[in-house]
Amino acid sequence: VLTVPDLAASAEPPRVELEITGIQDPLRSTIRNALSIVREKGHPLLSRYRIRALHQRTPEEIRNTLEPFGYYQAEVDASLEQRDDTWHASYRVTIGPPVTVRSLDLEILGPGGATEVFRQWRQTFPLQSGDRLRHRDYERAKDELLGIARRNGYLEAELTENRVLVELAENRADIRLHMTTGPRYRFGKIRFSDTPLRQSFLERFPRFKTGDPYDSGRLVELQRALSDSDYFDRVDVIPFIEE
């Protein structure tokens, strides 16, 4: 029996050196971390065929990475050459003009629409007309809006409009974000599990009463107060939303 050694498996993977020019940190570092050709450097199965395939994919990956930062018209000049045992991949990026916010349409409808916490959210929205479009800031503000609603008892709140409309011909974007609050929940009956302590003593701890508007922060305060009292080894404060 003649055994042929697997040379591909025993050989060292090709070395890859990568250069990105035309753009500065932190965007350059963000792009570099997003590239498949970077993530697969040193992989034991990396071959020259795989390197060429990853290189062809890289310009699209660069453009996709830049879009969330408002750069939708980036151009990439790419080159790849082998020198001895090392592959040199070079990418020159021209990011082009950014997409800027043209209009904001922020609406909060329903019983809680005029609530102060939502008014403050509108005032501190991180994108204003003329700003460079930053999708991460938009997503963070959207999540914050739903979080504010749920913390303040609007547990059925939902987004009815959630769009960023980009017009590449004009490098402009229109933001539409609408939420319906739904009804505001209120605290129901407060029940304590069996303990050696008197009910009247335990009732001193909550800083809310039945009928008050629901506020999840009050539950955190109650749990902390009970835990810090040194009367209990473990405290769980659980809202029964269905009730």
C-alpha atoms as a PDB file:
ATOM      1  CA  VAL A   1       0.000   0.000   0.000  1.00  0.00           C
ATOM      2  CA  LEU A   2       1.395   3.372  -1.057  1.00  0.00           C
ATOM      3  CA  THR A   3       0.412   6.280   1.217  1.00  0.00           C
ATOM      4  CA  VAL A   4       0.602   9.804  -0.213  1.00  0.00           C
ATOM      5  CA  PRO A   5       1.013  12.499   2.462  1.00  0.00           C
ATOM      6  CA  ASP A   6      -1.554  15.280   2.517  1.00  0.00           C
ATOM      7  CA  LEU A   7       0.749  18.155   1.677  1.00  0.00           C
ATOM      8  CA  ALA A   8      -2.082  20.728   1.691  1.00  0.00           C
ATOM      9  CA  ALA A   9      -2.949  19.863   5.270  1.00  0.00           C
ATOM     10  CA  SER A  10       0.668  19.946   6.521  1.00  0.00           C
ATOM     11  CA  ALA A  11       1.801  23.069   4.667  1.00  0.00           C
ATOM     12  CA  GLU A  12       1.691  26.516   6.259  1.00  0.00           C
ATOM     13  CA  PRO A  13      -1.195  28.702   5.022  1.00  0.00           C
ATOM     14  CA  PRO A  14      -0.172  31.540   2.690  1.00  0.00           C
ATOM     15  CA  ARG A  15       0.639  34.859   4.329  1.00  0.00           C
ATOM     16  CA  VAL A  16      -1.667  37.779   3.563  1.00  0.00           C
ATOM     17  CA  GLU A  17      -0.818  41.427   4.105  1.00  0.00           C
ATOM     18  CA  LEU A  18      -3.603  43.969   3.730  1.00  0.00           C
ATOM     19  CA  GLU A  19      -3.525  47.737   3.274  1.00  0.00           C
ATOM     20  CA  ILE A  20      -6.484  50.148   3.322  1.00  0.00           C
ATOM     21  CA  THR A  21      -5.845  53.730   2.229  1.00  0.00           C
ATOM     22  CA  GLY A  22      -7.916  56.816   1.522  1.00  0.00           C
ATOM     23  CA  ILE A  23      -9.777  56.642   4.835  1.00  0.00           C
ATOM     24  CA  GLN A  24      -8.785  57.258   8.428  1.00  0.00           C
ATOM     25  CA  ASP A  25      -9.558  55.657  11.772  1.00  0.00           C
ATOM     26  CA  PRO A  26     -11.977  54.870  13.305  1.00  0.00           C
ATOM     27  CA  LEU A  27     -13.712  54.030  10.002  1.00  0.00           C
ATOM     28  CA  ARG A  28     -10.635  52.276   8.657  1.00  0.00           C
ATOM     29  CA  SER A  29     -10.462  49.979  11.697  1.00  0.00           C
ATOM     30  CA  THR A  30     -14.196  49.308  11.461  1.00  0.00           C
ATOM     31  CA  ILE A  31     -13.828  48.299   7.815  1.00  0.00           C
ATOM     32  CA  ARG A  32     -10.810  46.127   8.504  1.00  0.00           C
ATOM     33  CA  ASN A  33     -12.615  44.203  11.254  1.00  0.00           C
ATOM     34  CA  ALA A  34     -15.559  43.531   8.915  1.00  0.00           C
ATOM     35  CA  LEU A  35     -13.573  41.954   6.068  1.00  0.00           C
ATOM     36  CA  SER A  36     -13.649  38.221   5.431  1.00  0.00           C
ATOM     37  CA  ILE A  37     -10.105  38.297   4.062  1.00  0.00           C
ATOM     38  CA  VAL A  38      -8.928  39.605   7.441  1.00  0.00           C
ATOM     39  CA  ARG A  39     -10.910  37.108   9.504  1.00  0.00           C
ATOM     40  CA  GLU A  40      -9.568  34.163   7.493  1.00  0.00           C
ATOM     41  CA  LYS A  41      -5.916  35.185   7.633  1.00  0.00           C
ATOM     42  CA  GLY A  42      -3.927  32.283   9.032  1.00  0.00           C
ATOM     43  CA  HIS A  43      -6.732  29.756   8.537  1.00  0.00           C
ATOM     44  CA  PRO A  44      -5.159  26.324   7.959  1.00  0.00           C
ATOM     45  CA  LEU A  45      -7.325  25.720   4.858  1.00  0.00           C
ATOM     46  CA  LEU A  46      -6.600  29.109   3.284  1.00  0.00           C
ATOM     47  CA  SER A  47      -5.431  28.630  -0.309  1.00  0.00           C
ATOM     48  CA  ARG A  48      -4.505  30.940  -3.188  1.00  0.00           C
ATOM     49  CA  TYR A  49      -7.902  30.216  -4.739  1.00  0.00           C
ATOM     50  CA  ARG A  50      -9.655  31.209  -1.522  1.00  0.00           C
ATOM     51  CA  ILE A  51      -7.560  34.369  -1.253  1.00  0.00           C
ATOM     52  CA  ARG A  52      -8.584  35.445  -4.757  1.00  0.00           C
ATOM     53  CA  ALA A  53     -12.261  34.767  -3.974  1.00  0.00           C
ATOM     54  CA  LEU A  54     -12.096  36.754  -0.744  1.00  0.00           C
ATOM     55  CA  HIS A  55     -10.314  39.594  -2.535  1.00  0.00           C
ATOM     56  CA  GLN A  56     -13.085  39.834  -5.141  1.00  0.00           C
ATOM     57  CA  ARG A  57     -15.673  40.025  -2.346  1.00  0.00           C
ATOM     58  CA  THR A  58     -13.844  42.733  -0.381  1.00  0.00           C
ATOM     59  CA  PRO A  59     -14.950  45.900  -2.298  1.00  0.00           C
ATOM     60  CA  GLU A  60     -18.613  45.013  -1.722  1.00  0.00           C
ATOM     61  CA  GLU A  61     -17.926  44.311   1.961  1.00  0.00           C
ATOM     62  CA  ILE A  62     -16.255  47.719   2.278  1.00  0.00           C
ATOM     63  CA  ARG A  63     -19.216  49.489   0.688  1.00  0.00           C
ATOM     64  CA  ASN A  64     -21.691  47.591   2.881  1.00  0.00           C
ATOM     65  CA  THR A  65     -19.709  48.516   5.989  1.00  0.00           C
ATOM     66  CA  LEU A  66     -19.759  52.207   5.096  1.00  0.00           C
ATOM     67  CA  GLU A  67     -23.505  52.480   4.429  1.00  0.00           C
ATOM     68  CA  PRO A  68     -24.585  52.475   8.100  1.00  0.00           C
ATOM     69  CA  PHE A  69     -22.342  55.535   8.566  1.00  0.00           C
ATOM     70  CA  GLY A  70     -24.129  57.415   5.773  1.00  0.00           C
ATOM     71  CA  TYR A  71     -21.683  56.751   2.932  1.00  0.00           C
ATOM     72  CA  TYR A  72     -23.638  55.122   0.126  1.00  0.00           C
ATOM     73  CA  GLN A  73     -21.455  56.042  -2.856  1.00  0.00           C
ATOM     74  CA  ALA A  74     -18.052  54.734  -1.862  1.00  0.00           C
ATOM     75  CA  GLU A  75     -15.666  53.592  -4.594  1.00  0.00           C
ATOM     76  CA  VAL A  76     -12.949  51.007  -4.027  1.00  0.00           C
ATOM     77  CA  ASP A  77      -9.835  50.448  -6.126  1.00  0.00           C
ATOM     78  CA  ALA A  78      -8.529  46.962  -5.338  1.00  0.00           C
ATOM     79  CA  SER A  79      -5.330  45.151  -6.228  1.00  0.00           C
ATOM     80  CA  LEU A  80      -3.856  41.790  -5.302  1.00  0.00           C
ATOM     81  CA  GLU A  81      -0.386  40.450  -6.054  1.00  0.00           C
ATOM     82  CA  GLN A  82       1.842  37.672  -4.814  1.00  0.00           C
ATOM     83  CA  ARG A  83       5.443  38.374  -3.856  1.00  0.00           C
ATOM     84  CA  ASP A  84       7.360  35.261  -2.898  1.00  0.00           C
ATOM     85  CA  ASP A  85       5.240  33.544  -0.212  1.00  0.00           C
ATOM     86  CA  THR A  86       3.147  36.589   0.675  1.00  0.00           C
ATOM     87  CA  TRP A  87      -0.064  37.917  -0.880  1.00  0.00           C
ATOM     88  CA  HIS A  88      -0.423  41.707  -0.799  1.00  0.00           C
ATOM     89  CA  ALA A  89      -3.989  43.015  -0.945  1.00  0.00           C
ATOM     90  CA  SER A  90      -4.495  46.761  -1.318  1.00  0.00           C
ATOM     91  CA  TYR A  91      -7.734  48.757  -1.216  1.00  0.00           C
ATOM     92  CA  ARG A  92      -7.986  52.470  -1.827  1.00  0.00           C
ATOM     93  CA  VAL A  93     -11.336  53.810  -0.628  1.00  0.00           C
ATOM     94  CA  THR A  94     -13.006  56.992  -1.840  1.00  0.00           C
ATOM     95  CA  ILE A  95     -15.988  57.376   0.457  1.00  0.00           C
ATOM     96  CA  GLY A  96     -17.770  60.107  -1.521  1.00  0.00           C
ATOM     97  CA  PRO A  97     -20.294  62.588  -0.101  1.00  0.00           C
ATOM     98  CA  PRO A  98     -22.361  61.426   2.879  1.00  0.00           C
ATOM     99  CA  VAL A  99     -26.121  61.055   2.904  1.00  0.00           C
ATOM    100  CA  THR A 100     -27.606  63.699   5.205  1.00  0.00           C
ATOM    101  CA  VAL A 101     -30.947  63.869   6.985  1.00  0.00           C
ATOM    102  CA  ARG A 102     -33.471  65.947   5.070  1.00  0.00           C
ATOM    103  CA  SER A 103     -36.564  65.545   7.241  1.00  0.00           C
ATOM    104  CA  LEU A 104     -37.687  64.027  10.526  1.00  0.00           C
ATOM    105  CA  ASP A 105     -41.193  62.704  11.080  1.00  0.00           C
ATOM    106  CA  LEU A 106     -41.401  61.587  14.726  1.00  0.00           C
ATOM    107  CA  GLU A 107     -44.908  60.876  15.985  1.00  0.00           C
ATOM    108  CA  ILE A 108     -46.086  59.357  19.254  1.00  0.00           C
ATOM    109  CA  LEU A 109     -49.801  58.595  19.145  1.00  0.00           C
ATOM    110  CA  GLY A 110     -52.235  57.174  21.652  1.00  0.00           C
ATOM    111  CA  PRO A 111     -53.079  57.951  25.292  1.00  0.00           C
ATOM    112  CA  GLY A 112     -49.434  58.601  26.224  1.00  0.00           C
ATOM    113  CA  GLY A 113     -48.536  60.764  23.253  1.00  0.00           C
ATOM    114  CA  ALA A 114     -48.295  63.980  25.285  1.00  0.00           C
ATOM    115  CA  THR A 115     -46.307  62.457  28.157  1.00  0.00           C
ATOM    116  CA  GLU A 116     -43.234  64.427  29.270  1.00  0.00           C
ATOM    117  CA  VAL A 117     -40.820  61.490  28.875  1.00  0.00           C
ATOM    118  CA  PHE A 118     -41.741  61.194  25.207  1.00  0.00           C
ATOM    119  CA  ARG A 119     -41.403  64.945  24.686  1.00  0.00           C
ATOM    120  CA  GLN A 120     -37.882  64.754  26.087  1.00  0.00           C
ATOM    121  CA  TRP A 121     -37.115  61.829  23.778  1.00  0.00           C
ATOM    122  CA  ARG A 122     -38.107  63.928  20.761  1.00  0.00           C
ATOM    123  CA  GLN A 123     -35.949  66.836  21.913  1.00  0.00           C
ATOM    124  CA  THR A 124     -32.865  64.644  22.335  1.00  0.00           C
ATOM    125  CA  PHE A 125     -33.258  62.603  19.142  1.00  0.00           C
ATOM    126  CA  PRO A 126     -29.635  62.142  17.981  1.00  0.00           C
ATOM    127  CA  LEU A 127     -30.235  63.003  14.303  1.00  0.00           C
ATOM    128  CA  GLN A 128     -31.376  66.403  13.104  1.00  0.00           C
ATOM    129  CA  SER A 129     -31.938  67.921   9.673  1.00  0.00           C
ATOM    130  CA  GLY A 130     -28.570  68.380   7.963  1.00  0.00           C
ATOM    131  CA  ASP A 131     -26.762  65.738  10.023  1.00  0.00           C
ATOM    132  CA  ARG A 132     -24.918  62.866   8.390  1.00  0.00           C
ATOM    133  CA  LEU A 133     -27.135  59.786   8.462  1.00  0.00           C
ATOM    134  CA  ARG A 134     -25.917  57.353  11.111  1.00  0.00           C
ATOM    135  CA  HIS A 135     -27.982  54.187  11.238  1.00  0.00           C
ATOM    136  CA  ARG A 136     -26.592  53.122  14.611  1.00  0.00           C
ATOM    137  CA  ASP A 137     -27.880  56.325  16.227  1.00  0.00           C
ATOM    138  CA  TYR A 138     -31.272  55.807  14.610  1.00  0.00           C
ATOM    139  CA  GLU A 139     -31.521  52.215  15.846  1.00  0.00           C
ATOM    140  CA  ARG A 140     -30.418  53.229  19.336  1.00  0.00           C
ATOM    141  CA  ALA A 141     -33.048  56.001  19.478  1.00  0.00           C
ATOM    142  CA  LYS A 142     -35.732  53.593  18.252  1.00  0.00           C
ATOM    143  CA  ASP A 143     -34.861  51.029  20.937  1.00  0.00           C
ATOM    144  CA  GLU A 144     -34.764  53.783  23.550  1.00  0.00           C
ATOM    145  CA  LEU A 145     -38.279  54.899  22.588  1.00  0.00           C
ATOM    146  CA  LEU A 146     -39.714  51.418  23.096  1.00  0.00           C
ATOM    147  CA  GLY A 147     -37.756  51.072  26.338  1.00  0.00           C
ATOM    148  CA  ILE A 148     -39.173  54.346  27.686  1.00  0.00           C
ATOM    149  CA  ALA A 149     -42.683  53.218  26.796  1.00  0.00           C
ATOM    150  CA  ARG A 150     -42.367  49.862  28.540  1.00  0.00           C
ATOM    151  CA  ARG A 151     -40.644  51.233  31.628  1.00  0.00           C
ATOM    152  CA  ASN A 152     -43.466  53.745  32.056  1.00  0.00           C
ATOM    153  CA  GLY A 153     -46.306  51.279  31.770  1.00  0.00           C
ATOM    154  CA  TYR A 154     -47.156  51.447  28.062  1.00  0.00           C
ATOM    155  CA  LEU A 155     -46.629  47.732  27.701  1.00  0.00           C
ATOM    156  CA  GLU A 156     -48.577  47.436  24.455  1.00  0.00           C
ATOM    157  CA  ALA A 157     -46.625  50.154  22.670  1.00  0.00           C
ATOM    158  CA  GLU A 158     -45.659  49.310  19.102  1.00  0.00           C
ATOM    159  CA  LEU A 159     -43.977  50.979  16.175  1.00  0.00           C
ATOM    160  CA  THR A 160     -46.417  51.652  13.366  1.00  0.00           C
ATOM    161  CA  GLU A 161     -43.895  53.416  11.094  1.00  0.00           C
ATOM    162  CA  ASN A 162     -40.191  52.629  11.091  1.00  0.00           C
ATOM    163  CA  ARG A 163     -38.382  53.705   7.918  1.00  0.00           C
ATOM    164  CA  VAL A 164     -35.287  55.498   6.732  1.00  0.00           C
ATOM    165  CA  LEU A 165     -35.890  56.496   3.096  1.00  0.00           C
ATOM    166  CA  VAL A 166     -32.620  57.199   1.276  1.00  0.00           C
ATOM    167  CA  GLU A 167     -32.564  59.063  -2.035  1.00  0.00           C
ATOM    168  CA  LEU A 168     -29.142  58.434  -3.533  1.00  0.00           C
ATOM    169  CA  ALA A 169     -29.651  60.899  -6.384  1.00  0.00           C
ATOM    170  CA  GLU A 170     -29.857  63.738  -3.847  1.00  0.00           C
ATOM    171  CA  ASN A 171     -27.785  62.202  -1.028  1.00  0.00           C
ATOM    172  CA  ARG A 172     -30.711  62.858   1.310  1.00  0.00           C
ATOM    173  CA  ALA A 173     -32.667  60.710   3.761  1.00  0.00           C
ATOM    174  CA  ASP A 174     -36.114  61.076   5.302  1.00  0.00           C
ATOM    175  CA  ILE A 175     -36.730  59.497   8.697  1.00  0.00           C
ATOM    176  CA  ARG A 176     -40.204  58.331   9.684  1.00  0.00           C
ATOM    177  CA  LEU A 177     -40.682  56.868  13.146  1.00  0.00           C
ATOM    178  CA  HIS A 178     -44.201  56.554  14.577  1.00  0.00           C
ATOM    179  CA  MET A 179     -45.272  54.751  17.739  1.00  0.00           C
ATOM    180  CA  THR A 180     -48.692  54.076  19.241  1.00  0.00           C
ATOM    181  CA  THR A 181     -48.479  53.900  23.028  1.00  0.00           C
ATOM    182  CA  GLY A 182     -51.573  51.878  23.822  1.00  0.00           C
ATOM    183  CA  PRO A 183     -53.093  52.117  27.321  1.00  0.00           C
ATOM    184  CA  ARG A 184     -50.964  52.786  30.385  1.00  0.00           C
ATOM    185  CA  TYR A 185     -50.880  49.894  32.827  1.00  0.00           C
ATOM    186  CA  ARG A 186     -51.246  50.486  36.572  1.00  0.00           C
ATOM    187  CA  PHE A 187     -50.058  48.623  39.629  1.00  0.00           C
ATOM    188  CA  GLY A 188     -52.547  46.073  40.867  1.00  0.00           C
ATOM    189  CA  LYS A 189     -52.572  44.304  44.214  1.00  0.00           C
ATOM    190  CA  ILE A 190     -49.203  43.987  45.977  1.00  0.00           C
ATOM    191  CA  ARG A 191     -48.744  40.511  47.464  1.00  0.00           C
ATOM    192  CA  PHE A 192     -45.952  39.243  49.725  1.00  0.00           C
ATOM    193  CA  SER A 193     -45.064  35.603  50.156  1.00  0.00           C
ATOM    194  CA  ASP A 194     -45.160  34.097  53.640  1.00  0.00           C
ATOM    195  CA  THR A 195     -42.481  35.416  56.014  1.00  0.00           C
ATOM    196  CA  PRO A 196     -42.159  35.671  59.801  1.00  0.00           C
ATOM    197  CA  LEU A 197     -42.530  39.452  59.399  1.00  0.00           C
ATOM    198  CA  ARG A 198     -45.816  41.270  59.847  1.00  0.00           C
ATOM    199  CA  GLN A 199     -47.704  42.312  56.718  1.00  0.00           C
ATOM    200  CA  SER A 200     -47.953  45.871  58.031  1.00  0.00           C
ATOM    201  CA  PHE A 201     -44.160  45.998  58.305  1.00  0.00           C
ATOM    202  CA  LEU A 202     -43.619  44.715  54.741  1.00  0.00           C
ATOM    203  CA  GLU A 203     -46.080  47.241  53.357  1.00  0.00           C
ATOM    204  CA  ARG A 204     -43.697  50.032  54.377  1.00  0.00           C
ATOM    205  CA  PHE A 205     -41.214  49.051  51.674  1.00  0.00           C
ATOM    206  CA  PRO A 206     -43.051  49.765  48.386  1.00  0.00           C
ATOM    207  CA  ARG A 207     -42.884  53.381  47.247  1.00  0.00           C
ATOM    208  CA  PHE A 208     -46.009  52.873  45.143  1.00  0.00           C
ATOM    209  CA  LYS A 209     -49.531  51.718  45.799  1.00  0.00           C
ATOM    210  CA  THR A 210     -52.279  49.900  43.955  1.00  0.00           C
ATOM    211  CA  GLY A 211     -53.632  52.126  41.191  1.00  0.00           C
ATOM    212  CA  ASP A 212     -50.412  54.069  40.592  1.00  0.00           C
ATOM    213  CA  PRO A 213     -49.099  54.129  36.992  1.00  0.00           C
ATOM    214  CA  TYR A 214     -46.785  51.195  36.332  1.00  0.00           C
ATOM    215  CA  ASP A 215     -43.095  52.081  36.541  1.00  0.00           C
ATOM    216  CA  SER A 216     -40.529  49.274  36.304  1.00  0.00           C
ATOM    217  CA  GLY A 217     -37.987  51.430  38.127  1.00  0.00           C
ATOM    218  CA  ARG A 218     -40.156  51.289  41.242  1.00  0.00           C
ATOM    219  CA  LEU A 219     -39.921  47.486  41.182  1.00  0.00           C
ATOM    220  CA  VAL A 220     -36.130  47.679  41.047  1.00  0.00           C
ATOM    221  CA  GLU A 221     -36.166  50.094  43.994  1.00  0.00           C
ATOM    222  CA  LEU A 222     -38.427  47.749  45.965  1.00  0.00           C
ATOM    223  CA  GLN A 223     -36.213  44.734  45.321  1.00  0.00           C
ATOM    224  CA  ARG A 224     -33.125  46.692  46.330  1.00  0.00           C
ATOM    225  CA  ALA A 225     -34.771  47.993  49.516  1.00  0.00           C
ATOM    226  CA  LEU A 226     -35.878  44.513  50.576  1.00  0.00           C
ATOM    227  CA  SER A 227     -32.457  43.029  49.791  1.00  0.00           C
ATOM    228  CA  ASP A 228     -30.633  45.776  51.692  1.00  0.00           C
ATOM    229  CA  SER A 229     -32.859  45.320  54.744  1.00  0.00           C
ATOM    230  CA  ASP A 230     -30.912  42.159  55.796  1.00  0.00           C
ATOM    231  CA  TYR A 231     -34.178  40.392  56.610  1.00  0.00           C
ATOM    232  CA  PHE A 232     -34.030  38.117  53.555  1.00  0.00           C
ATOM    233  CA  ASP A 233     -31.527  35.802  51.899  1.00  0.00           C
ATOM    234  CA  ARG A 234     -33.242  36.226  48.535  1.00  0.00           C
ATOM    235  CA  VAL A 235     -35.804  38.635  47.122  1.00  0.00           C
ATOM    236  CA  ASP A 236     -37.737  38.355  43.863  1.00  0.00           C
ATOM    237  CA  VAL A 237     -40.128  41.130  42.788  1.00  0.00           C
ATOM    238  CA  ILE A 238     -42.204  39.864  39.873  1.00  0.00           C
ATOM    239  CA  PRO A 239     -44.799  41.798  37.849  1.00  0.00           C
ATOM    240  CA  PHE A 240     -47.721  39.675  36.667  1.00  0.00           C
ATOM    241  CA  ILE A 241     -48.402  41.567  33.443  1.00  0.00           C
ATOM    242  CA  GLU A 242     -51.395  39.439  32.479  1.00  0.00           C
ATOM    243  CA  GLU A 243     -53.159  40.644  35.656  1.00  0.00           C
END
